[in-house]
Structures are given as C-alpha cells and as structure tokens.
Amino acid sequence: MPTNRETSRVRVTVLVRIRDGVLDPQGEAVKQALKDMGHSTIEDVRIGKIVEVILPSGPGLPELAKEWCERLLANPVVERYEIASIDPL
C-alpha cells in the first residue's frame, strides 16, 4: 500500500504495428537477412514498436492511452495500435 508520500504507479504498454497491406521496408530487409542466414521458411516479417509509459495510477487510464495513440503514438493511415496492458508497479 502506498503511504501518503507515495503514489501508486502503473505501466501502460502500447503495441504499434504497420497495417496489413502497407509496405514495411524494415520488415522486408530483416526477412531477407534471415533468409540469407539460411532460414528459408520465413514467410513474412513486420516491424513495429512497443511504447511503455509509466505514470501515477488514476481513473480513465484506458481512455487516456487511447488518446495518446490516436493523437501521437500511431499514424492511423499506416499503423494500428493495441493497448496491450495497464499494469500496477
């Protein structure tokens, strides 16, 4: 339990990925490199990002995280996002 001087905190984890059908040059480069290493069964590679934000716990965190994604973290034209978790620290 937090004391008066401590605030409970949470980690919000967001996954951002390139949308299906959108060219992923990084993914293509990694796929080719894996094939060059002898991994001929690789069919596709997509590169994304994980964003972790730590902040004080409070009401409305899912809505706040959604706002971050839609306004800053993901480009809705070429990316999709998923709020993977909101975990206490």
PDB file of N, CA and C in Angstrom:
ATOM      1  N   MET A   1       0.836  -1.188   0.000  1.00  0.00           N
ATOM      2  CA  MET A   1       0.000   0.000   0.000  1.00  0.00           C
ATOM      3  C   MET A   1       0.882   1.253   0.000  1.00  0.00           C
ATOM      4  N   PRO A   2       0.554   2.211  -0.843  1.00  0.00           N
ATOM      5  CA  PRO A   2       1.329   3.450  -0.844  1.00  0.00           C
ATOM      6  C   PRO A   2       1.069   4.254   0.423  1.00  0.00           C
ATOM      7  N   THR A   3       2.091   4.938   0.881  1.00  0.00           N
ATOM      8  CA  THR A   3       1.927   5.843   2.010  1.00  0.00           C
ATOM      9  C   THR A   3       1.479   7.191   1.470  1.00  0.00           C
ATOM     10  N   ASN A   4       1.305   8.140   2.356  1.00  0.00           N
ATOM     11  CA  ASN A   4       0.899   9.477   1.932  1.00  0.00           C
ATOM     12  C   ASN A   4       1.907  10.103   0.978  1.00  0.00           C
ATOM     13  N   ARG A   5       3.191   9.730   1.127  1.00  0.00           N
ATOM     14  CA  ARG A   5       4.223  10.315   0.295  1.00  0.00           C
ATOM     15  C   ARG A   5       4.391   9.585  -1.032  1.00  0.00           C
ATOM     16  N   GLU A   6       3.824   8.396  -1.123  1.00  0.00           N
ATOM     17  CA  GLU A   6       3.973   7.595  -2.335  1.00  0.00           C
ATOM     18  C   GLU A   6       2.662   7.584  -3.111  1.00  0.00           C
ATOM     19  N   THR A   7       2.784   7.511  -4.398  1.00  0.00           N
ATOM     20  CA  THR A   7       1.622   7.387  -5.260  1.00  0.00           C
ATOM     21  C   THR A   7       1.739   6.068  -6.000  1.00  0.00           C
ATOM     22  N   SER A   8       0.659   5.321  -6.080  1.00  0.00           N
ATOM     23  CA  SER A   8       0.741   4.088  -6.854  1.00  0.00           C
ATOM     24  C   SER A   8       0.915   4.453  -8.324  1.00  0.00           C
ATOM     25  N   ARG A   9       1.722   3.647  -8.999  1.00  0.00           N
ATOM     26  CA  ARG A   9       2.036   3.927 -10.393  1.00  0.00           C
ATOM     27  C   ARG A   9       1.634   2.739 -11.258  1.00  0.00           C
ATOM     28  N   VAL A  10       1.470   3.003 -12.532  1.00  0.00           N
ATOM     29  CA  VAL A  10       1.143   1.954 -13.488  1.00  0.00           C
ATOM     30  C   VAL A  10       2.041   2.079 -14.713  1.00  0.00           C
ATOM     31  N   ARG A  11       2.176   0.971 -15.417  1.00  0.00           N
ATOM     32  CA  ARG A  11       2.873   0.960 -16.705  1.00  0.00           C
ATOM     33  C   ARG A  11       1.817   0.667 -17.770  1.00  0.00           C
ATOM     34  N   VAL A  12       1.678   1.582 -18.715  1.00  0.00           N
ATOM     35  CA  VAL A  12       0.799   1.386 -19.862  1.00  0.00           C
ATOM     36  C   VAL A  12       1.678   0.930 -21.018  1.00  0.00           C
ATOM     37  N   THR A  13       1.366  -0.230 -21.579  1.00  0.00           N
ATOM     38  CA  THR A  13       2.137  -0.776 -22.688  1.00  0.00           C
ATOM     39  C   THR A  13       1.280  -0.753 -23.945  1.00  0.00           C
ATOM     40  N   VAL A  14       1.811  -0.110 -24.979  1.00  0.00           N
ATOM     41  CA  VAL A  14       1.108   0.035 -26.253  1.00  0.00           C
ATOM     42  C   VAL A  14       1.947  -0.618 -27.351  1.00  0.00           C
ATOM     43  N   LEU A  15       1.306  -1.413 -28.192  1.00  0.00           N
ATOM     44  CA  LEU A  15       1.956  -2.012 -29.360  1.00  0.00           C
ATOM     45  C   LEU A  15       1.485  -1.251 -30.594  1.00  0.00           C
ATOM     46  N   VAL A  16       2.429  -0.834 -31.421  1.00  0.00           N
ATOM     47  CA  VAL A  16       2.104  -0.129 -32.664  1.00  0.00           C
ATOM     48  C   VAL A  16       2.691  -0.949 -33.801  1.00  0.00           C
ATOM     49  N   ARG A  17       1.837  -1.287 -34.772  1.00  0.00           N
ATOM     50  CA  ARG A  17       2.269  -2.123 -35.894  1.00  0.00           C
ATOM     51  C   ARG A  17       1.839  -1.495 -37.212  1.00  0.00           C
ATOM     52  N   ILE A  18       2.601  -1.812 -38.264  1.00  0.00           N
ATOM     53  CA  ILE A  18       2.225  -1.399 -39.614  1.00  0.00           C
ATOM     54  C   ILE A  18       0.956  -2.147 -40.005  1.00  0.00           C
ATOM     55  N   ARG A  19       0.019  -1.466 -40.628  1.00  0.00           N
ATOM     56  CA  ARG A  19      -1.222  -2.111 -41.089  1.00  0.00           C
ATOM     57  C   ARG A  19      -0.924  -3.137 -42.180  1.00  0.00           C
ATOM     58  N   ASP A  20      -1.741  -4.185 -42.219  1.00  0.00           N
ATOM     59  CA  ASP A  20      -1.649  -5.151 -43.310  1.00  0.00           C
ATOM     60  C   ASP A  20      -1.841  -4.420 -44.630  1.00  0.00           C
ATOM     61  N   GLY A  21      -1.073  -4.817 -45.613  1.00  0.00           N
ATOM     62  CA  GLY A  21      -1.182  -4.202 -46.931  1.00  0.00           C
ATOM     63  C   GLY A  21      -0.297  -2.979 -47.122  1.00  0.00           C
ATOM     64  N   VAL A  22       0.348  -2.515 -46.052  1.00  0.00           N
ATOM     65  CA  VAL A  22       1.254  -1.371 -46.138  1.00  0.00           C
ATOM     66  C   VAL A  22       2.677  -1.914 -46.216  1.00  0.00           C
ATOM     67  N   LEU A  23       3.451  -1.404 -47.161  1.00  0.00           N
ATOM     68  CA  LEU A  23       4.828  -1.832 -47.331  1.00  0.00           C
ATOM     69  C   LEU A  23       5.625  -1.576 -46.052  1.00  0.00           C
ATOM     70  N   ASP A  24       6.411  -2.574 -45.646  1.00  0.00           N
ATOM     71  CA  ASP A  24       7.246  -2.478 -44.456  1.00  0.00           C
ATOM     72  C   ASP A  24       8.698  -2.726 -44.869  1.00  0.00           C
ATOM     73  N   PRO A  25       9.429  -1.684 -45.296  1.00  0.00           N
ATOM     74  CA  PRO A  25      10.796  -1.873 -45.773  1.00  0.00           C
ATOM     75  C   PRO A  25      11.721  -2.506 -44.733  1.00  0.00           C
ATOM     76  N   GLN A  26      11.581  -2.131 -43.460  1.00  0.00           N
ATOM     77  CA  GLN A  26      12.402  -2.738 -42.414  1.00  0.00           C
ATOM     78  C   GLN A  26      12.110  -4.227 -42.303  1.00  0.00           C
ATOM     79  N   GLY A  27      10.846  -4.569 -42.317  1.00  0.00           N
ATOM     80  CA  GLY A  27      10.460  -5.972 -42.246  1.00  0.00           C
ATOM     81  C   GLY A  27      11.008  -6.763 -43.423  1.00  0.00           C
ATOM     82  N   GLU A  28      10.956  -6.182 -44.615  1.00  0.00           N
ATOM     83  CA  GLU A  28      11.492  -6.852 -45.804  1.00  0.00           C
ATOM     84  C   GLU A  28      12.993  -7.063 -45.685  1.00  0.00           C
ATOM     85  N   ALA A  29      13.710  -6.068 -45.162  1.00  0.00           N
ATOM     86  CA  ALA A  29      15.159  -6.191 -45.001  1.00  0.00           C
ATOM     87  C   ALA A  29      15.500  -7.292 -43.996  1.00  0.00           C
ATOM     88  N   VAL A  30      14.764  -7.352 -42.898  1.00  0.00           N
ATOM     89  CA  VAL A  30      15.011  -8.390 -41.896  1.00  0.00           C
ATOM     90  C   VAL A  30      14.665  -9.765 -42.467  1.00  0.00           C
ATOM     91  N   LYS A  31      13.564  -9.845 -43.194  1.00  0.00           N
ATOM     92  CA  LYS A  31      13.176 -11.120 -43.813  1.00  0.00           C
ATOM     93  C   LYS A  31      14.279 -11.612 -44.746  1.00  0.00           C
ATOM     94  N   GLN A  32      14.811 -10.729 -45.573  1.00  0.00           N
ATOM     95  CA  GLN A  32      15.867 -11.118 -46.500  1.00  0.00           C
ATOM     96  C   GLN A  32      17.129 -11.535 -45.751  1.00  0.00           C
ATOM     97  N   ALA A  33      17.469 -10.808 -44.686  1.00  0.00           N
ATOM     98  CA  ALA A  33      18.655 -11.153 -43.902  1.00  0.00           C
ATOM     99  C   ALA A  33      18.495 -12.530 -43.253  1.00  0.00           C
ATOM    100  N   LEU A  34      17.315 -12.823 -42.750  1.00  0.00           N
ATOM    101  CA  LEU A  34      17.073 -14.136 -42.156  1.00  0.00           C
ATOM    102  C   LEU A  34      17.187 -15.237 -43.205  1.00  0.00           C
ATOM    103  N   LYS A  35      16.658 -14.981 -44.389  1.00  0.00           N
ATOM    104  CA  LYS A  35      16.783 -15.957 -45.476  1.00  0.00           C
ATOM    105  C   LYS A  35      18.244 -16.141 -45.865  1.00  0.00           C
ATOM    106  N   ASP A  36      19.008 -15.042 -45.907  1.00  0.00           N
ATOM    107  CA  ASP A  36      20.433 -15.119 -46.222  1.00  0.00           C
ATOM    108  C   ASP A  36      21.191 -15.928 -45.173  1.00  0.00           C
ATOM    109  N   MET A  37      20.664 -15.965 -43.957  1.00  0.00           N
ATOM    110  CA  MET A  37      21.280 -16.748 -42.883  1.00  0.00           C
ATOM    111  C   MET A  37      20.886 -18.222 -42.962  1.00  0.00           C
ATOM    112  N   GLY A  38      20.070 -18.569 -43.955  1.00  0.00           N
ATOM    113  CA  GLY A  38      19.694 -19.962 -44.127  1.00  0.00           C
ATOM    114  C   GLY A  38      18.314 -20.328 -43.618  1.00  0.00           C
ATOM    115  N   HIS A  39      17.556 -19.350 -43.170  1.00  0.00           N
ATOM    116  CA  HIS A  39      16.205 -19.613 -42.657  1.00  0.00           C
ATOM    117  C   HIS A  39      15.194 -19.447 -43.795  1.00  0.00           C
ATOM    118  N   SER A  40      15.148 -20.436 -44.657  1.00  0.00           N
ATOM    119  CA  SER A  40      14.374 -20.329 -45.892  1.00  0.00           C
ATOM    120  C   SER A  40      12.867 -20.435 -45.682  1.00  0.00           C
ATOM    121  N   THR A  41      12.417 -20.842 -44.505  1.00  0.00           N
ATOM    122  CA  THR A  41      10.978 -20.991 -44.272  1.00  0.00           C
ATOM    123  C   THR A  41      10.305 -19.707 -43.800  1.00  0.00           C
ATOM    124  N   ILE A  42      11.073 -18.629 -43.612  1.00  0.00           N
ATOM    125  CA  ILE A  42      10.498 -17.352 -43.181  1.00  0.00           C
ATOM    126  C   ILE A  42       9.556 -16.855 -44.274  1.00  0.00           C
ATOM    127  N   GLU A  43       8.308 -16.588 -43.907  1.00  0.00           N
ATOM    128  CA  GLU A  43       7.318 -16.109 -44.875  1.00  0.00           C
ATOM    129  C   GLU A  43       7.137 -14.609 -44.852  1.00  0.00           C
ATOM    130  N   ASP A  44       7.165 -14.010 -43.671  1.00  0.00           N
ATOM    131  CA  ASP A  44       6.935 -12.573 -43.584  1.00  0.00           C
ATOM    132  C   ASP A  44       7.514 -12.057 -42.272  1.00  0.00           C
ATOM    133  N   VAL A  45       7.952 -10.818 -42.279  1.00  0.00           N
ATOM    134  CA  VAL A  45       8.433 -10.132 -41.076  1.00  0.00           C
ATOM    135  C   VAL A  45       7.831  -8.742 -41.093  1.00  0.00           C
ATOM    136  N   ARG A  46       7.247  -8.344 -39.987  1.00  0.00           N
ATOM    137  CA  ARG A  46       6.700  -6.996 -39.828  1.00  0.00           C
ATOM    138  C   ARG A  46       7.386  -6.372 -38.619  1.00  0.00           C
ATOM    139  N   ILE A  47       7.823  -5.145 -38.742  1.00  0.00           N
ATOM    140  CA  ILE A  47       8.491  -4.438 -37.659  1.00  0.00           C
ATOM    141  C   ILE A  47       7.510  -3.439 -37.052  1.00  0.00           C
ATOM    142  N   GLY A  48       7.458  -3.420 -35.731  1.00  0.00           N
ATOM    143  CA  GLY A  48       6.596  -2.487 -35.018  1.00  0.00           C
ATOM    144  C   GLY A  48       7.369  -1.849 -33.881  1.00  0.00           C
ATOM    145  N   LYS A  49       6.624  -1.296 -32.937  1.00  0.00           N
ATOM    146  CA  LYS A  49       7.278  -0.693 -31.777  1.00  0.00           C
ATOM    147  C   LYS A  49       6.424  -0.932 -30.538  1.00  0.00           C
ATOM    148  N   ILE A  50       7.112  -0.949 -29.414  1.00  0.00           N
ATOM    149  CA  ILE A  50       6.455  -1.039 -28.110  1.00  0.00           C
ATOM    150  C   ILE A  50       6.713   0.277 -27.403  1.00  0.00           C
ATOM    151  N   VAL A  51       5.641   0.868 -26.883  1.00  0.00           N
ATOM    152  CA  VAL A  51       5.768   2.114 -26.126  1.00  0.00           C
ATOM    153  C   VAL A  51       5.293   1.817 -24.707  1.00  0.00           C
ATOM    154  N   GLU A  52       6.137   2.103 -23.723  1.00  0.00           N
ATOM    155  CA  GLU A  52       5.767   1.940 -22.325  1.00  0.00           C
ATOM    156  C   GLU A  52       5.765   3.310 -21.664  1.00  0.00           C
ATOM    157  N   VAL A  53       4.681   3.606 -20.993  1.00  0.00           N
ATOM    158  CA  VAL A  53       4.534   4.889 -20.299  1.00  0.00           C
ATOM    159  C   VAL A  53       4.252   4.580 -18.832  1.00  0.00           C
ATOM    160  N   ILE A  54       5.019   5.171 -17.936  1.00  0.00           N
ATOM    161  CA  ILE A  54       4.801   4.994 -16.505  1.00  0.00           C
ATOM    162  C   ILE A  54       4.252   6.307 -15.963  1.00  0.00           C
ATOM    163  N   LEU A  55       3.169   6.184 -15.213  1.00  0.00           N
ATOM    164  CA  LEU A  55       2.525   7.376 -14.668  1.00  0.00           C
ATOM    165  C   LEU A  55       1.762   7.001 -13.416  1.00  0.00           C
ATOM    166  N   PRO A  56       1.341   8.006 -12.638  1.00  0.00           N
ATOM    167  CA  PRO A  56       0.537   7.709 -11.455  1.00  0.00           C
ATOM    168  C   PRO A  56      -0.780   7.051 -11.846  1.00  0.00           C
ATOM    169  N   SER A  57      -1.211   6.137 -11.014  1.00  0.00           N
ATOM    170  CA  SER A  57      -2.497   5.473 -11.232  1.00  0.00           C
ATOM    171  C   SER A  57      -3.627   6.486 -11.078  1.00  0.00           C
ATOM    172  N   GLY A  58      -4.688   6.262 -11.798  1.00  0.00           N
ATOM    173  CA  GLY A  58      -5.832   7.156 -11.692  1.00  0.00           C
ATOM    174  C   GLY A  58      -6.960   6.692 -12.582  1.00  0.00           C
ATOM    175  N   PRO A  59      -8.098   7.326 -12.469  1.00  0.00           N
ATOM    176  CA  PRO A  59      -9.239   6.926 -13.292  1.00  0.00           C
ATOM    177  C   PRO A  59      -9.030   7.304 -14.758  1.00  0.00           C
ATOM    178  N   GLY A  60      -9.686   6.567 -15.633  1.00  0.00           N
ATOM    179  CA  GLY A  60      -9.696   6.917 -17.051  1.00  0.00           C
ATOM    180  C   GLY A  60      -8.436   6.573 -17.812  1.00  0.00           C
ATOM    181  N   LEU A  61      -7.601   5.681 -17.297  1.00  0.00           N
ATOM    182  CA  LEU A  61      -6.353   5.372 -17.993  1.00  0.00           C
ATOM    183  C   LEU A  61      -6.559   4.758 -19.377  1.00  0.00           C
ATOM    184  N   PRO A  62      -7.495   3.841 -19.566  1.00  0.00           N
ATOM    185  CA  PRO A  62      -7.684   3.301 -20.929  1.00  0.00           C
ATOM    186  C   PRO A  62      -8.039   4.396 -21.943  1.00  0.00           C
ATOM    187  N   GLU A  63      -8.889   5.318 -21.548  1.00  0.00           N
ATOM    188  CA  GLU A  63      -9.274   6.407 -22.441  1.00  0.00           C
ATOM    189  C   GLU A  63      -8.098   7.332 -22.715  1.00  0.00           C
ATOM    190  N   LEU A  64      -7.298   7.584 -21.694  1.00  0.00           N
ATOM    191  CA  LEU A  64      -6.122   8.429 -21.847  1.00  0.00           C
ATOM    192  C   LEU A  64      -5.121   7.777 -22.805  1.00  0.00           C
ATOM    193  N   ALA A  65      -4.886   6.489 -22.622  1.00  0.00           N
ATOM    194  CA  ALA A  65      -3.958   5.767 -23.500  1.00  0.00           C
ATOM    195  C   ALA A  65      -4.468   5.770 -24.940  1.00  0.00           C
ATOM    196  N   LYS A  66      -5.756   5.619 -25.121  1.00  0.00           N
ATOM    197  CA  LYS A  66      -6.335   5.653 -26.470  1.00  0.00           C
ATOM    198  C   LYS A  66      -6.090   7.021 -27.111  1.00  0.00           C
ATOM    199  N   GLU A  67      -6.247   8.088 -26.349  1.00  0.00           N
ATOM    200  CA  GLU A  67      -5.993   9.431 -26.867  1.00  0.00           C
ATOM    201  C   GLU A  67      -4.530   9.583 -27.291  1.00  0.00           C
ATOM    202  N   TRP A  68      -3.594   9.087 -26.472  1.00  0.00           N
ATOM    203  CA  TRP A  68      -2.173   9.148 -26.837  1.00  0.00           C
ATOM    204  C   TRP A  68      -1.935   8.477 -28.173  1.00  0.00           C
ATOM    205  N   CYS A  69      -2.526   7.295 -28.314  1.00  0.00           N
ATOM    206  CA  CYS A  69      -2.317   6.517 -29.546  1.00  0.00           C
ATOM    207  C   CYS A  69      -2.865   7.253 -30.757  1.00  0.00           C
ATOM    208  N   GLU A  70      -4.066   7.738 -30.642  1.00  0.00           N
ATOM    209  CA  GLU A  70      -4.731   8.355 -31.786  1.00  0.00           C
ATOM    210  C   GLU A  70      -4.134   9.715 -32.148  1.00  0.00           C
ATOM    211  N   ARG A  71      -3.572  10.408 -31.168  1.00  0.00           N
ATOM    212  CA  ARG A  71      -3.050  11.745 -31.446  1.00  0.00           C
ATOM    213  C   ARG A  71      -1.539  11.809 -31.618  1.00  0.00           C
ATOM    214  N   LEU A  72      -0.797  10.777 -31.138  1.00  0.00           N
ATOM    215  CA  LEU A  72       0.656  10.897 -31.133  1.00  0.00           C
ATOM    216  C   LEU A  72       1.403   9.611 -31.486  1.00  0.00           C
ATOM    217  N   LEU A  73       1.069   8.513 -30.846  1.00  0.00           N
ATOM    218  CA  LEU A  73       1.906   7.321 -30.927  1.00  0.00           C
ATOM    219  C   LEU A  73       1.774   6.539 -32.225  1.00  0.00           C
ATOM    220  N   ALA A  74       0.611   6.581 -32.850  1.00  0.00           N
ATOM    221  CA  ALA A  74       0.390   5.813 -34.076  1.00  0.00           C
ATOM    222  C   ALA A  74      -0.117   6.719 -35.184  1.00  0.00           C
ATOM    223  N   ASN A  75       0.362   6.454 -36.388  1.00  0.00           N
ATOM    224  CA  ASN A  75      -0.148   7.148 -37.570  1.00  0.00           C
ATOM    225  C   ASN A  75      -1.304   6.301 -38.095  1.00  0.00           C
ATOM    226  N   PRO A  76      -2.545   6.735 -37.922  1.00  0.00           N
ATOM    227  CA  PRO A  76      -3.691   5.885 -38.263  1.00  0.00           C
ATOM    228  C   PRO A  76      -3.790   5.519 -39.738  1.00  0.00           C
ATOM    229  N   VAL A  77      -3.099   6.240 -40.595  1.00  0.00           N
ATOM    230  CA  VAL A  77      -3.138   5.924 -42.026  1.00  0.00           C
ATOM    231  C   VAL A  77      -2.380   4.635 -42.316  1.00  0.00           C
ATOM    232  N   VAL A  78      -1.240   4.431 -41.654  1.00  0.00           N
ATOM    233  CA  VAL A  78      -0.401   3.274 -41.966  1.00  0.00           C
ATOM    234  C   VAL A  78      -0.164   2.343 -40.780  1.00  0.00           C
ATOM    235  N   GLU A  79      -0.607   2.730 -39.573  1.00  0.00           N
ATOM    236  CA  GLU A  79      -0.350   1.913 -38.401  1.00  0.00           C
ATOM    237  C   GLU A  79      -1.640   1.607 -37.654  1.00  0.00           C
ATOM    238  N   ARG A  80      -1.596   0.506 -36.926  1.00  0.00           N
ATOM    239  CA  ARG A  80      -2.672   0.177 -35.993  1.00  0.00           C
ATOM    240  C   ARG A  80      -2.035   0.034 -34.621  1.00  0.00           C
ATOM    241  N   TYR A  81      -2.816   0.226 -33.580  1.00  0.00           N
ATOM    242  CA  TYR A  81      -2.278   0.139 -32.239  1.00  0.00           C
ATOM    243  C   TYR A  81      -3.137  -0.777 -31.376  1.00  0.00           C
ATOM    244  N   GLU A  82      -2.507  -1.255 -30.324  1.00  0.00           N
ATOM    245  CA  GLU A  82      -3.201  -2.079 -29.343  1.00  0.00           C
ATOM    246  C   GLU A  82      -2.694  -1.665 -27.965  1.00  0.00           C
ATOM    247  N   ILE A  83      -3.607  -1.357 -27.069  1.00  0.00           N
ATOM    248  CA  ILE A  83      -3.219  -1.096 -25.689  1.00  0.00           C
ATOM    249  C   ILE A  83      -3.096  -2.478 -25.052  1.00  0.00           C
ATOM    250  N   ALA A  84      -1.852  -2.939 -24.939  1.00  0.00           N
ATOM    251  CA  ALA A  84      -1.588  -4.326 -24.548  1.00  0.00           C
ATOM    252  C   ALA A  84      -1.865  -4.562 -23.064  1.00  0.00           C
ATOM    253  N   SER A  85      -1.494  -3.602 -22.232  1.00  0.00           N
ATOM    254  CA  SER A  85      -1.716  -3.796 -20.790  1.00  0.00           C
ATOM    255  C   SER A  85      -1.601  -2.481 -20.041  1.00  0.00           C
ATOM    256  N   ILE A  86      -2.237  -2.478 -18.883  1.00  0.00           N
ATOM    257  CA  ILE A  86      -2.088  -1.405 -17.906  1.00  0.00           C
ATOM    258  C   ILE A  86      -1.831  -2.125 -16.582  1.00  0.00           C
ATOM    259  N   ASP A  87      -0.560  -2.133 -16.172  1.00  0.00           N
ATOM    260  CA  ASP A  87      -0.153  -2.942 -15.028  1.00  0.00           C
ATOM    261  C   ASP A  87       0.339  -2.082 -13.874  1.00  0.00           C
ATOM    262  N   PRO A  88      -0.076  -2.436 -12.664  1.00  0.00           N
ATOM    263  CA  PRO A  88       0.448  -1.717 -11.497  1.00  0.00           C
ATOM    264  C   PRO A  88       1.924  -2.017 -11.314  1.00  0.00           C
ATOM    265  N   LEU A  89       2.657  -1.042 -10.786  1.00  0.00           N
ATOM    266  CA  LEU A  89       4.089  -1.226 -10.489  1.00  0.00           C
ATOM    267  C   LEU A  89       4.284  -1.425  -8.999  1.00  0.00           C
TER     268      LEU A  89
END
